[in-house]
């Protein structure tokens, strides 16, 4: 009787520990994928912020900015890739820039002249 109870305890422990390990690994996988997604979005935000800062620094040369083939070029050099939509509107006192980056982030920048 004692041996059968020990065997039952062992089986029960194995089942419980296996269940815990399986669900823990699934949870860790979800956390990893979510963190990877968040990291990619944050990298995209950094790219956009650096582009905005660059444009603010070179505000007098905005006429050398071109948008073709989902790339944004400045003086024929790639400034930003994966741009799906880009519009630049010049007014007398400010410049408004609409940008859609990789269909994930859409922003409107206003730069005062």
Protein backbone atom coordinates (compact mmCIF):
# COMPACT_ATOMS: atom_id res chain seq x y z
CA UNK A 1 0.00 0.00 0.00
CA UNK A 2 2.78 2.38 0.89
CA UNK A 3 4.49 1.84 -2.46
CA UNK A 4 1.36 2.54 -4.44
CA UNK A 5 0.74 5.76 -2.52
CA UNK A 6 4.33 6.87 -3.17
CA UNK A 7 3.90 6.13 -6.83
CA UNK A 8 0.67 8.12 -6.91
CA UNK A 9 2.40 11.06 -5.20
CA UNK A 10 5.19 10.92 -7.74
CA UNK A 11 2.74 10.90 -10.65
CA UNK A 12 0.74 13.75 -9.22
CA UNK A 13 3.88 15.79 -8.63
CA UNK A 14 5.02 15.12 -12.18
CA UNK A 15 1.70 16.24 -13.65
CA UNK A 16 1.59 19.43 -11.57
CA UNK A 17 5.19 20.37 -12.28
CA UNK A 18 4.76 19.68 -16.01
CA UNK A 19 1.68 21.89 -16.13
CA UNK A 20 3.51 24.69 -14.34
CA UNK A 21 6.50 24.42 -16.67
CA UNK A 22 4.32 24.44 -19.81
CA UNK A 23 2.32 27.49 -18.76
CA UNK A 24 5.43 29.30 -17.56
CA UNK A 25 7.16 28.77 -20.88
CA UNK A 26 4.09 30.04 -22.78
CA UNK A 27 3.97 33.09 -20.56
CA UNK A 28 7.67 33.78 -21.06
CA UNK A 29 7.25 33.46 -24.82
CA UNK A 30 4.42 36.01 -24.78
CA UNK A 31 6.50 38.40 -22.69
CA UNK A 32 9.43 38.04 -25.06
CA UNK A 33 7.31 38.72 -28.16
CA UNK A 34 5.62 41.71 -26.54
CA UNK A 35 8.97 43.18 -25.51
CA UNK A 36 10.32 42.66 -29.00
CA UNK A 37 7.31 44.48 -30.46
CA UNK A 38 7.69 47.35 -28.00
CA UNK A 39 11.40 47.59 -28.78
CA UNK A 40 10.70 47.88 -32.52
CA UNK A 41 8.13 50.61 -31.93
CA UNK A 42 10.53 52.55 -29.69
CA UNK A 43 13.30 52.27 -32.29
CA UNK A 44 10.87 53.67 -34.85
CA UNK A 45 10.03 56.56 -32.52
CA UNK A 46 13.73 57.31 -32.09
CA UNK A 47 14.17 57.34 -35.88
CA UNK A 48 11.29 59.77 -36.22
CA UNK A 49 12.55 62.05 -33.45
CA UNK A 50 16.02 62.18 -34.93
CA UNK A 51 14.54 63.00 -38.34
CA UNK A 52 12.50 65.81 -36.81
CA UNK A 53 15.55 67.23 -35.07
CA UNK A 54 17.52 67.01 -38.30
CA UNK A 55 14.81 68.87 -40.19
CA UNK A 56 14.61 71.54 -37.51
CA UNK A 57 18.37 72.06 -37.75
CA UNK A 58 18.25 72.26 -41.56
CA UNK A 59 15.09 74.31 -41.87
CA UNK A 60 16.53 76.54 -44.58
CA UNK A 61 17.27 73.58 -46.84
CA UNK A 62 13.86 71.92 -46.73
CA UNK A 63 13.46 72.44 -50.46
CA UNK A 64 16.15 69.75 -50.91
CA UNK A 65 13.89 67.23 -49.21
CA UNK A 66 12.29 64.66 -51.53
CA UNK A 67 9.98 61.71 -51.01
CA UNK A 68 10.10 58.79 -53.46
CA UNK A 69 9.75 55.01 -53.24
CA UNK A 70 8.77 55.07 -49.55
CA UNK A 71 12.04 56.80 -48.70
CA UNK A 72 12.68 60.32 -47.56
CA UNK A 73 15.77 61.88 -49.12
CA UNK A 74 17.73 64.96 -48.18
CA UNK A 75 20.15 66.18 -50.87
CA UNK A 76 19.81 62.77 -52.57
CA UNK A 77 20.87 60.90 -49.42
CA UNK A 78 18.47 58.63 -47.57
CA UNK A 79 17.17 60.36 -44.48
CA UNK A 80 14.44 57.93 -43.47
CA UNK A 81 13.20 54.62 -44.87
CA UNK A 82 9.78 52.95 -44.64
CA UNK A 83 7.84 56.19 -44.94
CA UNK A 84 4.42 55.46 -46.36
CA UNK A 85 3.14 59.01 -46.59
CA UNK A 86 4.80 62.40 -46.40
CA UNK A 87 3.41 65.92 -46.89
CA UNK A 88 5.16 69.21 -46.36
CA UNK A 89 3.06 72.39 -46.18
CA UNK A 90 4.82 75.76 -45.99
CA UNK A 91 3.01 78.72 -44.49
CA UNK A 92 4.31 82.22 -43.89
CA UNK A 93 5.18 81.67 -40.22
CA UNK A 94 5.53 77.87 -39.86
CA UNK A 95 6.01 74.61 -41.71
CA UNK A 96 3.70 71.68 -41.18
CA UNK A 97 4.94 68.16 -41.90
CA UNK A 98 2.69 65.11 -41.97
CA UNK A 99 4.48 61.77 -41.85
CA UNK A 100 3.24 58.16 -41.74
CA UNK A 101 6.07 55.86 -40.77
CA UNK A 102 5.76 52.16 -41.60
CA UNK A 103 1.97 52.31 -41.11
CA UNK A 104 2.62 52.23 -37.37
CA UNK A 105 3.25 55.82 -36.38
CA UNK A 106 1.59 58.90 -37.80
CA UNK A 107 2.72 62.34 -36.70
CA UNK A 108 2.23 65.97 -37.58
CA UNK A 109 5.17 68.27 -36.90
CA UNK A 110 4.98 72.04 -36.78
CA UNK A 111 8.22 73.92 -37.16
CA UNK A 112 8.16 77.66 -36.52
CA UNK A 113 10.14 79.76 -38.94
